Amino acid sequence: MSTIENKVNTIENNFVHLHVHTEYSLLDGSSKIKELVKQAKDLGYKELAITDHGVMYGVIDFYRACKEEGIKPIIGCEVYVAPRSRFDKEKTAGDNPYYHLVLLAENNTGYQNLMKIVSLGFTEGFYYKPRVDYEVLETYHEGVIALSACLAGEVSRYLARGMYEDAKKSALHYQEIFGKGNFFLEMQDHGIADQQTVNQGMLRLSEELGIELVCTNDIHYTFADDAKAHDILLCIQTGKRISDENRMRYEGGQYYCKSEEEMRKLFPFAPQALDNTKKIANRCEVEIEFGVQKLPKFEVPKGYTSPEYLRYLCQKGFDMRYPNASEKLKERLEYELTTIENMGYVDYFLIVWDFIKYAKDHKIMVGPGRGSAAGSIVAYSLQITDIDPEKYDLIFERFLNPERVSMPDIDIDFCYERRQEVIDYVTEKYGKDCVVQIVTFGTMAARNVIRDVGRVLDYSYALCDQIAKMIPKELNITIDKALKMNPELKKLYTEDERVHYLIDMSKRLEGLPRHTSMHAAGVVISQKPIWEYVPLSRGSDGSITTQYIMTTLEELGLLKMDVRIVR
């Protein structure tokens, strides 16, 4: 895969990559998380950071991948800092719309604050990019370590323009915000002339101000061989072709996951700055909690506990549904209720019962229920579902199994014209900060990536369309699978150099997330404001969503609702 042999570094591991963009720096980073983490391990690294542009979309995937490989995950983000207030969305002539700044969570307090910083970038500061300002950084700096970032960082920009005193003032300001020992001056070397100027300035600032240095590599792809595929990705992002002269590009092919040996050869004059990355990594200890429920509390009428109220509602509904119930059926109801209580899901059922009751009381059409929830006598008694589990011999354990602890999943269909009324009711009841819709990602699937890459390479539409149509229309199809399934495609790939190159480049980009959108049905409800648990984002239509997908929210113990539309 790589021109650099993947072997464990023989030098004592004393450097850590702290400036790393994954596939979730959308259309800007091409490092697939699992592949990147595996390469870091192969190079002998024991720690690795994630610092995507303005977002934390990939944090949980990254955290899990690192844990699986025995690598310490360092959670971070390269945020965009507004030059003035985050609320100021007027561009002044000659003004920078934003500066870059790398933030790393030192501990769980820092992780909580990082989520708030990133969320505010979207909810309050969005202007081309999700921007924060000094006020946000001052408010949520605790537990956060900051690096001055790349050439787009504020200190670097001043140094590149020969404005040393302004750079000095900026560096002191960041040190004041984050505290002495929590702000570092960052040096990079990708063969860019301005970086040599900036690095000299950083060395001088460090000596004068006593602010320590770090060396980083601005990773945007995993292997050195990925430079061409990454260049194509940038063209897809900007709507350019590879032949266009004036376009964004990362020159030099140096934005990959380098070995410690390579980094030390780049910075022989700054061994302490390289060692400082390890010292920072040693300070960073974030533990993300999975499987601990964060359900909101349902307010029950005075005189009841939550389990008592659920039992009251169930008994009332059960008597209506089964006026001549057998002892066996009564025992099943008791078994389900006991299981629900023991697993801690009483409030879940009350919350679902409540908003379905609201919908029915307001003549909003509700579906009869589907999926495993139809196997619950409790759900049937509460009129959450209208399918009789006894009549159809449906099993409760497929829905909720005490031996397999997982959040219940009730899919509910509402009339498409009035679904929003139900969401508005839930938002009003639990608070707009505690009810948010869920993000989903569009990815560069097999057929589409062929067309995207072909357009960038200036291949004819006819050729790209021909190749794309050779990929079978099959769920979860990949280019590799298509090559095995379609001999004609395999033949073209083997014999035609242009097709070979098109497919090779497409395979490197295949599966990358391309854009975000709002999940068609997913809504999350929490006991505290959502940003206490997950970072928030803003869609192109202005709607606020979570930055973590539905399955991740479930793993984090949050209450996810499938509020689906029927026509």
Protein backbone atom coordinates (compact mmCIF):
# COMPACT_ATOMS: atom_id res chain seq x y z
CA MET A 1 0.00 0.00 0.00
CA SER A 2 2.66 2.47 1.04
CA THR A 3 6.08 3.20 -0.35
CA ILE A 4 7.24 3.34 3.25
CA GLU A 5 7.66 -0.08 4.77
CA ASN A 6 5.23 -0.63 7.64
CA LYS A 7 7.54 -1.70 10.40
CA VAL A 8 7.56 -0.92 14.09
CA ASN A 9 9.71 2.10 14.79
CA THR A 10 13.03 1.13 16.32
CA ILE A 11 13.47 4.56 17.92
CA GLU A 12 12.04 4.83 21.42
CA ASN A 13 8.51 6.15 21.00
CA ASN A 14 8.76 9.74 22.17
CA PHE A 15 6.70 11.54 19.55
CA VAL A 16 2.93 11.61 19.02
CA HIS A 17 0.87 12.93 16.12
CA LEU A 18 -1.32 15.68 17.59
CA HIS A 19 -2.62 17.29 14.38
CA VAL A 20 -4.66 14.68 12.51
CA HIS A 21 -7.55 14.99 10.06
CA THR A 22 -9.66 11.92 9.35
CA GLU A 23 -12.39 11.19 6.82
CA TYR A 24 -14.68 13.36 8.98
CA SER A 25 -12.94 16.53 7.85
CA LEU A 26 -15.46 16.15 5.06
CA LEU A 27 -13.98 16.14 1.53
CA ASP A 28 -10.72 17.46 3.01
CA GLY A 29 -9.35 14.47 4.90
CA SER A 30 -9.14 11.04 3.31
CA SER A 31 -7.75 9.05 6.25
CA LYS A 32 -10.18 6.24 6.98
CA ILE A 33 -10.17 5.91 10.75
CA LYS A 34 -9.54 2.18 11.14
CA GLU A 35 -6.85 2.22 8.48
CA LEU A 36 -5.17 5.28 10.02
CA VAL A 37 -5.14 3.82 13.53
CA LYS A 38 -3.77 0.52 12.22
CA GLN A 39 -0.97 2.36 10.40
CA ALA A 40 -0.14 4.34 13.54
CA LYS A 41 0.16 1.09 15.46
CA ASP A 42 2.35 -0.43 12.73
CA LEU A 43 4.64 2.59 13.01
CA GLY A 44 5.04 1.98 16.74
CA TYR A 45 2.82 4.76 18.07
CA LYS A 46 1.12 4.26 21.43
CA GLU A 47 -1.03 7.41 21.21
CA LEU A 48 -2.80 9.28 18.41
CA ALA A 49 -4.98 12.40 18.22
CA ILE A 50 -8.02 13.28 16.14
CA THR A 51 -8.39 16.99 15.27
CA ASP A 52 -10.90 17.30 12.45
CA HIS A 53 -11.81 20.71 11.05
CA GLY A 54 -14.45 22.32 13.28
CA VAL A 55 -16.24 19.03 14.02
CA MET A 56 -16.19 15.97 16.26
CA TYR A 57 -18.18 13.66 13.95
CA GLY A 58 -15.60 10.87 14.06
CA VAL A 59 -14.63 10.99 17.74
CA ILE A 60 -16.47 7.86 18.91
CA ASP A 61 -15.39 5.76 15.91
CA PHE A 62 -11.83 6.95 16.50
CA TYR A 63 -12.00 6.26 20.24
CA ARG A 64 -13.21 2.71 19.65
CA ALA A 65 -10.68 2.02 16.88
CA CYS A 66 -7.81 3.20 19.08
CA LYS A 67 -8.96 1.10 22.03
CA GLU A 68 -9.17 -1.96 19.79
CA GLU A 69 -5.57 -1.44 18.64
CA GLY A 70 -4.21 -0.68 22.12
CA ILE A 71 -3.56 2.98 21.30
CA LYS A 72 -4.50 5.85 23.60
CA PRO A 73 -7.02 8.10 21.81
CA ILE A 74 -6.45 11.84 22.22
CA ILE A 75 -9.69 13.70 21.54
CA GLY A 76 -9.41 17.06 19.86
CA CYS A 77 -10.59 19.42 17.15
CA GLU A 78 -9.04 22.08 14.96
CA VAL A 79 -11.53 24.87 15.56
CA TYR A 80 -12.11 28.05 13.59
CA VAL A 81 -11.65 31.23 15.64
CA ALA A 82 -13.44 34.40 14.54
CA PRO A 83 -11.20 37.52 14.49
CA ARG A 84 -13.85 39.44 16.43
CA SER A 85 -17.15 38.25 17.92
CA ARG A 86 -18.64 34.95 16.77
CA PHE A 87 -21.87 36.91 16.25
CA ASP A 88 -20.18 39.32 13.82
CA LYS A 89 -20.92 37.93 10.38
CA GLU A 90 -19.83 40.85 8.23
CA LYS A 91 -16.54 40.51 6.37
CA THR A 92 -14.20 43.49 6.54
CA ALA A 93 -11.85 44.16 3.62
CA GLY A 94 -8.49 42.47 4.24
CA ASP A 95 -9.85 40.70 7.32
CA ASN A 96 -9.43 36.98 7.89
CA PRO A 97 -12.85 35.29 8.29
CA TYR A 98 -11.32 32.89 10.82
CA TYR A 99 -8.09 31.48 12.25
CA HIS A 100 -7.29 27.83 12.99
CA LEU A 101 -6.55 26.61 16.52
CA VAL A 102 -5.96 23.02 17.65
CA LEU A 103 -7.70 22.04 20.90
CA LEU A 104 -7.07 18.78 22.78
CA ALA A 105 -9.09 17.42 25.71
CA GLU A 106 -6.78 16.82 28.68
CA ASN A 107 -9.46 15.10 30.74
CA ASN A 108 -13.22 14.51 30.83
CA THR A 109 -13.85 18.12 31.83
CA GLY A 110 -11.93 19.14 28.74
CA TYR A 111 -13.95 16.70 26.63
CA GLN A 112 -17.18 18.22 27.95
CA ASN A 113 -15.87 21.71 27.24
CA LEU A 114 -14.65 20.73 23.78
CA MET A 115 -18.15 19.51 22.89
CA LYS A 116 -19.56 22.86 24.03
CA ILE A 117 -16.97 24.87 22.11
CA VAL A 118 -17.60 22.91 18.91
CA SER A 119 -21.39 23.10 19.39
CA LEU A 120 -21.32 26.88 19.81
CA GLY A 121 -19.31 27.14 16.62
CA PHE A 122 -22.36 25.79 14.79
CA THR A 123 -25.27 27.12 16.85
CA GLU A 124 -24.00 30.69 17.33
CA GLY A 125 -20.92 31.38 15.25
CA PHE A 126 -21.55 29.73 11.90
CA TYR A 127 -20.40 31.92 9.01
CA TYR A 128 -19.00 29.82 6.14
CA LYS A 129 -17.43 27.72 8.89
CA PRO A 130 -18.45 26.87 12.48
CA ARG A 131 -16.58 29.67 14.30
CA VAL A 132 -15.95 30.35 17.96
CA ASP A 133 -14.38 33.43 19.53
CA TYR A 134 -12.17 34.37 22.46
CA GLU A 135 -15.19 34.62 24.77
CA VAL A 136 -16.13 30.99 24.08
CA LEU A 137 -12.53 29.86 24.60
CA GLU A 138 -12.26 31.80 27.86
CA THR A 139 -15.53 30.33 29.15
CA TYR A 140 -14.75 26.71 28.27
CA HIS A 141 -10.95 26.54 28.47
CA GLU A 142 -10.74 24.29 31.54
CA GLY A 143 -9.20 20.90 30.79
CA VAL A 144 -8.25 21.96 27.26
CA ILE A 145 -4.74 22.14 25.79
CA ALA A 146 -4.27 24.41 22.77
CA LEU A 147 -1.74 24.36 19.90
CA SER A 148 -1.27 27.37 17.63
CA ALA A 149 -2.10 25.27 14.52
CA CYS A 150 -0.91 25.45 10.91
CA LEU A 151 -0.17 28.41 8.63
CA ALA A 152 -3.84 29.38 9.05
CA GLY A 153 -3.36 29.84 12.80
CA GLU A 154 -3.42 33.40 14.12
CA VAL A 155 0.17 33.43 15.41
CA SER A 156 1.45 31.81 12.20
CA ARG A 157 -0.36 34.30 9.96
CA TYR A 158 1.23 37.24 11.72
CA LEU A 159 4.68 35.64 11.53
CA ALA A 160 4.28 34.81 7.83
CA ARG A 161 3.46 38.48 7.18
CA GLY A 162 6.45 39.73 9.16
CA MET A 163 4.23 41.14 11.96
CA TYR A 164 6.27 39.79 14.87
CA GLU A 165 4.84 42.07 17.58
CA ASP A 166 1.29 41.14 16.62
CA ALA A 167 2.26 37.45 16.71
CA LYS A 168 3.76 37.98 20.15
CA LYS A 169 0.60 39.70 21.39
CA SER A 170 -1.56 36.90 19.98
CA ALA A 171 0.57 34.16 21.58
CA LEU A 172 0.40 35.87 24.97
CA HIS A 173 -3.37 36.22 24.60
CA TYR A 174 -3.82 32.48 23.98
CA GLN A 175 -1.55 31.68 26.90
CA GLU A 176 -3.67 33.94 29.08
CA ILE A 177 -6.85 32.17 27.93
CA PHE A 178 -5.63 28.59 28.45
CA GLY A 179 -3.09 29.14 31.22
CA LYS A 180 0.67 28.74 31.32
CA GLY A 181 1.68 25.27 30.20
CA ASN A 182 -1.60 24.74 28.34
CA PHE A 183 -0.78 26.64 25.14
CA PHE A 184 1.97 25.51 22.75
CA LEU A 185 3.54 27.07 19.66
CA GLU A 186 3.27 24.70 16.72
CA MET A 187 5.86 24.09 14.00
CA GLN A 188 5.24 22.21 10.75
CA ASP A 189 7.32 21.43 7.69
CA HIS A 190 5.63 20.24 4.49
CA GLY A 191 8.20 21.87 2.23
CA ILE A 192 6.36 25.22 2.11
CA ALA A 193 8.56 28.36 2.18
CA ASP A 194 6.26 30.22 4.58
CA GLN A 195 6.64 27.41 7.11
CA GLN A 196 10.38 28.06 7.35
CA THR A 197 9.69 31.72 8.09
CA VAL A 198 7.03 30.83 10.64
CA ASN A 199 9.18 28.20 12.34
CA GLN A 200 11.98 30.71 12.85
CA GLY A 201 9.46 33.09 14.36
CA MET A 202 8.07 30.35 16.61
CA LEU A 203 11.56 29.56 17.92
CA ARG A 204 12.10 33.23 18.72
CA LEU A 205 8.70 33.58 20.40
CA SER A 206 9.34 30.49 22.49
CA GLU A 207 12.68 31.84 23.69
CA GLU A 208 11.31 35.30 24.49
CA LEU A 209 7.98 34.30 26.05
CA GLY A 210 8.83 30.94 27.61
CA ILE A 211 5.99 29.25 25.70
CA GLU A 212 6.95 25.69 24.76
CA LEU A 213 7.04 24.36 21.20
CA VAL A 214 5.57 21.28 19.53
CA CYS A 215 6.21 19.80 16.09
CA THR A 216 3.31 18.32 14.14
CA ASN A 217 2.54 16.93 10.72
CA ASP A 218 -0.77 18.12 9.29
CA ILE A 219 -2.11 14.65 8.47
CA HIS A 220 -4.83 14.59 5.82
CA TYR A 221 -4.26 11.10 4.42
CA THR A 222 -2.77 7.90 5.78
CA PHE A 223 -0.06 6.77 3.36
CA ALA A 224 2.36 8.73 1.18
CA ASP A 225 0.79 6.94 -1.81
CA ASP A 226 -2.57 8.58 -1.00
CA ALA A 227 -1.46 12.06 -2.13
CA LYS A 228 -2.99 11.70 -5.62
CA ALA A 229 -6.31 10.33 -4.34
CA HIS A 230 -6.43 13.13 -1.77
CA ASP A 231 -5.81 15.71 -4.49
CA ILE A 232 -8.78 14.28 -6.37
CA LEU A 233 -10.86 14.53 -3.18
CA LEU A 234 -10.03 18.26 -2.91
CA CYS A 235 -11.22 18.69 -6.50
CA ILE A 236 -14.49 16.96 -5.63
CA GLN A 237 -14.87 19.34 -2.68
CA THR A 238 -14.22 22.48 -4.73
CA GLY A 239 -15.91 21.38 -7.98
CA LYS A 240 -12.61 21.59 -9.90
CA ARG A 241 -10.81 19.31 -12.30
CA ILE A 242 -7.29 17.99 -11.82
CA SER A 243 -6.23 19.99 -14.90
CA ASP A 244 -7.40 23.33 -13.43
CA GLU A 245 -4.45 25.63 -12.74
CA ASN A 246 -5.92 27.80 -10.00
CA ARG A 247 -7.35 25.41 -7.47
CA MET A 248 -6.82 24.38 -3.88
CA ARG A 249 -4.10 21.76 -3.48
CA TYR A 250 -1.78 20.39 -0.81
CA GLU A 251 1.59 20.56 -2.52
CA GLY A 252 4.48 18.21 -1.88
CA GLY A 253 2.77 14.98 -0.81
CA GLN A 254 3.84 15.33 2.82
CA TYR A 255 0.46 15.24 4.59
CA TYR A 256 0.54 11.58 5.60
CA CYS A 257 1.11 9.68 8.85
CA LYS A 258 4.90 9.88 9.14
CA SER A 259 7.09 7.71 11.31
CA GLU A 260 8.84 9.18 14.32
CA GLU A 261 12.13 8.76 12.47
CA GLU A 262 10.85 10.90 9.59
CA MET A 263 9.63 13.58 11.99
CA ARG A 264 12.99 13.70 13.78
CA LYS A 265 14.80 14.10 10.44
CA LEU A 266 12.52 17.04 9.64
CA PHE A 267 13.20 18.81 12.94
CA PRO A 268 16.77 17.95 14.02
CA PHE A 269 17.00 21.43 15.59
CA ALA A 270 13.98 20.94 17.88
CA PRO A 271 14.17 17.60 19.73
CA GLN A 272 12.43 19.06 22.77
CA ALA A 273 9.49 20.23 20.63
CA LEU A 274 9.11 16.67 19.34
CA ASP A 275 9.35 15.25 22.88
CA ASN A 276 6.71 17.74 24.05
CA THR A 277 4.12 15.93 21.93
CA LYS A 278 4.64 12.86 24.11
CA LYS A 279 4.39 14.95 27.28
CA ILE A 280 1.07 16.36 26.07
CA ALA A 281 -0.18 12.88 25.16
CA ASN A 282 0.74 11.65 28.65
CA ARG A 283 -1.43 14.40 30.13
CA CYS A 284 -4.48 13.51 28.04
CA GLU A 285 -6.78 10.99 29.72
CA VAL A 286 -10.37 10.92 28.47
CA GLU A 287 -12.69 8.02 29.26
CA ILE A 288 -15.93 7.92 27.28
CA GLU A 289 -18.78 6.15 29.04
CA PHE A 290 -20.87 3.63 27.12
CA GLY A 291 -24.09 1.87 28.09
CA VAL A 292 -25.01 4.12 31.03
CA GLN A 293 -28.55 5.38 30.56
CA LYS A 294 -29.20 9.09 30.33
CA LEU A 295 -32.97 8.91 29.99
CA PRO A 296 -35.03 11.98 30.85
CA LYS A 297 -37.30 11.67 33.87
CA PHE A 298 -41.00 11.44 33.07
CA GLU A 299 -43.07 13.52 35.48
CA VAL A 300 -45.77 11.25 36.90
CA PRO A 301 -48.95 12.41 38.71
CA LYS A 302 -48.65 13.15 42.42
CA GLY A 303 -48.94 10.04 44.57
CA TYR A 304 -47.26 7.70 42.08
CA THR A 305 -43.72 6.53 41.55
CA SER A 306 -42.72 5.96 37.93
CA PRO A 307 -43.01 2.13 38.17
CA GLU A 308 -46.38 2.45 39.92
CA TYR A 309 -47.71 4.78 37.24
CA LEU A 310 -46.53 2.50 34.43
CA ARG A 311 -48.23 -0.44 36.16
CA TYR A 312 -51.43 1.57 36.59
CA LEU A 313 -51.51 2.52 32.89
CA CYS A 314 -50.64 -1.01 31.77
CA GLN A 315 -53.29 -2.64 33.95
CA LYS A 316 -55.90 -0.21 32.70
CA GLY A 317 -54.94 -0.85 29.05
CA PHE A 318 -54.53 -4.59 29.60
CA ASP A 319 -58.06 -4.90 31.01
CA MET A 320 -59.38 -3.09 27.94
CA ARG A 321 -57.34 -5.15 25.46
CA TYR A 322 -57.95 -8.49 27.21
CA PRO A 323 -61.26 -8.43 29.13
CA ASN A 324 -61.09 -12.23 29.59
CA ALA A 325 -57.35 -12.60 30.09
CA SER A 326 -55.94 -15.98 31.08
CA GLU A 327 -53.60 -16.41 34.05
CA LYS A 328 -50.80 -17.14 31.60
CA LEU A 329 -51.31 -13.78 29.88
CA LYS A 330 -51.41 -11.96 33.23
CA GLU A 331 -48.16 -13.64 34.17
CA ARG A 332 -46.63 -12.49 30.90
CA LEU A 333 -47.66 -8.89 31.63
CA GLU A 334 -46.05 -9.15 35.09
CA TYR A 335 -42.90 -10.66 33.58
CA GLU A 336 -42.60 -7.84 31.03
CA LEU A 337 -43.17 -5.14 33.64
CA THR A 338 -40.61 -6.67 35.98
CA THR A 339 -38.08 -6.92 33.15
CA ILE A 340 -38.70 -3.29 32.15
CA GLU A 341 -38.28 -2.13 35.76
CA ASN A 342 -35.13 -4.20 36.35
CA MET A 343 -33.53 -2.93 33.15
CA GLY A 344 -34.34 0.69 34.01
CA TYR A 345 -36.64 1.43 31.09
CA VAL A 346 -39.79 2.57 32.92
CA ASP A 347 -39.36 6.21 31.88
CA TYR A 348 -38.72 5.15 28.29
CA PHE A 349 -42.15 3.50 28.04
CA LEU A 350 -43.87 6.41 29.78
CA ILE A 351 -42.28 8.92 27.42
CA VAL A 352 -43.31 6.95 24.32
CA TRP A 353 -46.82 6.36 25.71
CA ASP A 354 -47.18 10.07 26.39
CA PHE A 355 -46.32 11.41 22.95
CA ILE A 356 -48.31 8.70 21.17
CA LYS A 357 -51.29 9.57 23.40
CA TYR A 358 -50.78 13.22 22.45
CA ALA A 359 -50.83 12.33 18.76
CA LYS A 360 -53.97 10.23 19.04
CA ASP A 361 -55.73 12.82 21.22
CA HIS A 362 -55.04 15.40 18.52
CA LYS A 363 -56.22 13.17 15.66
CA ILE A 364 -52.70 12.72 14.26
CA MET A 365 -52.54 9.38 12.46
CA VAL A 366 -50.25 6.86 14.16
CA GLY A 367 -49.14 3.56 12.65
CA PRO A 368 -50.04 0.25 14.32
CA GLY A 369 -46.43 -0.50 15.19
CA ARG A 370 -43.82 -2.69 13.59
CA GLY A 371 -40.56 -4.40 14.33
CA SER A 372 -39.75 -6.19 17.57
CA ALA A 373 -41.85 -3.78 19.70
CA ALA A 374 -44.95 -5.58 18.39
CA GLY A 375 -43.95 -8.50 20.63
CA SER A 376 -44.62 -6.57 23.84
CA ILE A 377 -47.84 -6.91 25.83
CA VAL A 378 -46.85 -3.72 27.69
CA ALA A 379 -46.58 -1.76 24.42
CA TYR A 380 -49.92 -3.22 23.28
CA SER A 381 -51.59 -2.38 26.60
CA LEU A 382 -50.27 1.21 26.46
CA GLN A 383 -51.60 1.52 22.88
CA ILE A 384 -48.07 2.21 21.68
CA THR A 385 -48.72 -0.67 19.26
CA ASP A 386 -52.00 -2.05 17.94
CA ILE A 387 -50.82 -5.56 17.09
CA ASP A 388 -51.84 -8.28 19.54
CA PRO A 389 -48.69 -10.26 20.49
CA GLU A 390 -50.79 -13.18 21.78
CA LYS A 391 -52.81 -13.52 18.60
CA TYR A 392 -49.72 -13.62 16.39
CA ASP A 393 -47.53 -15.52 18.85
CA LEU A 394 -44.91 -12.73 19.01
CA ILE A 395 -41.99 -13.00 21.44
CA PHE A 396 -41.15 -10.27 23.96
CA GLU A 397 -37.45 -11.24 24.19
CA ARG A 398 -36.87 -10.21 20.59
CA PHE A 399 -37.75 -6.70 21.75
CA LEU A 400 -36.20 -6.61 25.22
CA ASN A 401 -33.91 -9.32 26.52
CA PRO A 402 -32.54 -9.14 30.09
CA GLU A 403 -29.54 -11.20 28.96
CA ARG A 404 -28.63 -8.69 26.25
CA VAL A 405 -28.67 -5.16 27.64
CA SER A 406 -29.60 -2.79 24.83
CA MET A 407 -31.94 0.15 24.53
CA PRO A 408 -35.50 -0.72 23.46
CA ASP A 409 -36.25 0.33 19.91
CA ILE A 410 -39.81 1.32 19.06
CA ASP A 411 -40.39 2.46 15.47
CA ILE A 412 -43.41 4.71 15.25
CA ASP A 413 -45.08 5.94 12.08
CA PHE A 414 -46.85 9.29 11.99
CA CYS A 415 -48.80 11.11 9.30
CA TYR A 416 -46.21 12.99 7.20
CA GLU A 417 -48.24 16.20 7.28
CA ARG A 418 -48.35 16.37 11.11
CA ARG A 419 -45.25 14.52 12.31
CA GLN A 420 -43.62 17.85 13.22
CA GLU A 421 -46.43 18.55 15.68
CA VAL A 422 -45.39 15.49 17.66
CA ILE A 423 -41.74 16.60 17.66
CA ASP A 424 -42.84 20.09 18.73
CA TYR A 425 -44.83 18.60 21.61
CA VAL A 426 -41.84 16.58 22.82
CA THR A 427 -39.58 19.64 22.46
CA GLU A 428 -42.00 21.76 24.50
CA LYS A 429 -42.30 19.10 27.20
CA TYR A 430 -38.60 18.29 27.69
CA GLY A 431 -36.99 21.55 26.55
CA LYS A 432 -35.53 22.59 23.21
CA ASP A 433 -31.99 22.04 24.52
CA CYS A 434 -32.86 18.43 25.37
CA VAL A 435 -34.56 17.38 22.12
CA VAL A 436 -32.54 17.36 18.91
CA GLN A 437 -32.78 15.58 15.60
CA ILE A 438 -30.01 13.21 14.58
CA VAL A 439 -27.32 13.54 11.94
CA THR A 440 -26.72 11.03 9.18
CA PHE A 441 -23.96 10.90 6.57
CA GLY A 442 -24.09 10.49 2.83
CA THR A 443 -21.09 8.49 1.66
CA MET A 444 -19.14 8.15 -1.56
CA ALA A 445 -20.70 4.89 -2.69
CA ALA A 446 -19.28 2.70 -5.44
CA ARG A 447 -21.16 4.00 -8.49
CA ASN A 448 -21.10 7.66 -7.44
CA VAL A 449 -17.41 7.73 -6.57
CA ILE A 450 -16.56 6.39 -10.04
CA ARG A 451 -18.50 9.27 -11.60
CA ASP A 452 -17.00 11.85 -9.21
CA VAL A 453 -13.43 10.75 -9.79
CA GLY A 454 -13.94 10.41 -13.55
CA ARG A 455 -15.26 13.99 -13.76
CA VAL A 456 -12.23 15.30 -11.83
CA LEU A 457 -9.85 13.37 -14.14
CA ASP A 458 -11.58 14.87 -17.23
CA TYR A 459 -12.68 11.45 -18.45
CA SER A 460 -15.66 11.47 -20.79
CA TYR A 461 -19.12 11.14 -19.29
CA ALA A 462 -19.78 8.15 -21.54
CA LEU A 463 -16.78 6.22 -20.18
CA CYS A 464 -17.55 7.01 -16.53
CA ASP A 465 -21.19 6.12 -17.00
CA GLN A 466 -20.21 2.84 -18.68
CA ILE A 467 -17.91 1.87 -15.78
CA ALA A 468 -20.39 2.97 -13.11
CA LYS A 469 -23.18 0.91 -14.67
CA MET A 470 -20.98 -2.18 -14.58
CA ILE A 471 -21.21 -2.09 -10.79
CA PRO A 472 -24.21 -4.22 -9.78
CA LYS A 473 -27.15 -2.48 -8.10
CA GLU A 474 -26.83 -4.35 -4.85
CA LEU A 475 -27.05 -3.24 -1.21
CA ASN A 476 -23.59 -2.50 0.28
CA ILE A 477 -21.86 -3.21 -3.01
CA THR A 478 -18.20 -2.19 -3.19
CA ILE A 479 -15.86 -1.75 -6.13
CA ASP A 480 -13.84 -4.78 -5.03
CA LYS A 481 -16.98 -6.91 -4.93
CA ALA A 482 -18.00 -5.62 -8.35
CA LEU A 483 -14.63 -6.58 -9.82
CA LYS A 484 -15.19 -10.15 -8.61
CA MET A 485 -18.80 -10.30 -9.78
CA ASN A 486 -18.43 -8.71 -13.22
CA PRO A 487 -15.79 -10.31 -15.53
CA GLU A 488 -16.26 -7.53 -18.10
CA LEU A 489 -15.39 -4.86 -15.51
CA LYS A 490 -12.40 -6.91 -14.35
CA LYS A 491 -11.20 -7.21 -17.95
CA LEU A 492 -11.38 -3.46 -18.52
CA TYR A 493 -9.60 -2.85 -15.21
CA THR A 494 -6.80 -5.23 -16.19
CA GLU A 495 -6.34 -4.12 -19.80
CA ASP A 496 -7.16 -0.39 -19.91
CA GLU A 497 -4.67 1.87 -18.07
CA ARG A 498 -7.12 4.76 -17.80
CA VAL A 499 -9.84 2.54 -16.32
CA HIS A 500 -7.28 0.96 -13.99
CA TYR A 501 -6.29 4.39 -12.67
CA LEU A 502 -9.92 5.54 -12.38
CA ILE A 503 -10.84 2.46 -10.35
CA ASP A 504 -7.72 2.59 -8.15
CA MET A 505 -8.34 6.23 -7.22
CA SER A 506 -12.03 5.55 -6.68
CA LYS A 507 -11.28 2.63 -4.33
CA ARG A 508 -9.14 4.88 -2.11
CA LEU A 509 -12.02 7.38 -1.76
CA GLU A 510 -14.89 4.88 -1.71
CA GLY A 511 -16.91 4.93 1.49
CA LEU A 512 -15.70 8.33 2.69
CA PRO A 513 -18.48 10.49 4.18
CA ARG A 514 -19.40 13.15 1.66
CA HIS A 515 -22.01 15.31 3.41
CA THR A 516 -24.31 15.44 6.41
CA SER A 517 -28.07 15.54 6.51
CA MET A 518 -30.83 15.17 9.06
CA HIS A 519 -31.95 11.61 9.74
CA ALA A 520 -35.44 11.12 8.34
CA ALA A 521 -36.84 9.74 11.60
CA GLY A 522 -34.29 10.04 14.40
CA VAL A 523 -34.87 12.28 17.42
CA VAL A 524 -32.84 12.16 20.64
CA ILE A 525 -34.25 13.16 24.04
CA SER A 526 -31.97 13.63 27.04
CA GLN A 527 -32.21 14.51 30.73
CA LYS A 528 -29.77 17.44 30.34
CA PRO A 529 -29.01 19.72 27.38
CA ILE A 530 -27.78 17.50 24.54
CA TRP A 531 -24.41 19.22 24.33
CA GLU A 532 -23.58 17.81 27.77
CA TYR A 533 -23.37 14.42 26.05
CA VAL A 534 -22.71 14.99 22.34
CA PRO A 535 -21.58 17.90 20.15
CA LEU A 536 -24.12 19.67 17.96
CA SER A 537 -24.05 20.61 14.29
CA ARG A 538 -26.10 22.77 11.94
CA GLY A 539 -27.54 21.57 8.66
CA SER A 540 -27.61 23.53 5.41
CA ASP A 541 -31.23 24.43 6.18
CA GLY A 542 -30.25 25.86 9.57
CA SER A 543 -31.62 22.93 11.59
CA ILE A 544 -29.62 21.76 14.62
CA THR A 545 -28.62 18.09 14.77
CA THR A 546 -26.33 15.91 16.84
CA GLN A 547 -22.83 15.25 15.47
CA TYR A 548 -23.03 11.57 16.43
CA ILE A 549 -25.17 9.14 14.47
CA MET A 550 -28.13 7.17 15.80
CA THR A 551 -26.30 3.95 16.73
CA THR A 552 -23.61 5.93 18.56
CA LEU A 553 -26.22 7.80 20.59
CA GLU A 554 -27.71 4.48 21.68
CA GLU A 555 -24.27 3.23 22.73
CA LEU A 556 -23.84 6.38 24.81
CA GLY A 557 -27.08 5.59 26.68
CA LEU A 558 -29.22 8.32 25.12
CA LEU A 559 -32.90 7.92 24.31
CA LYS A 560 -33.35 7.74 20.56
CA MET A 561 -36.78 7.81 18.96
CA ASP A 562 -37.66 6.64 15.45
CA VAL A 563 -40.45 9.08 14.57
CA ARG A 564 -41.10 7.94 11.02
CA ILE A 565 -43.35 9.32 8.31
CA VAL A 566 -46.17 7.47 6.56
CA ARG A 567 -47.99 8.86 3.54
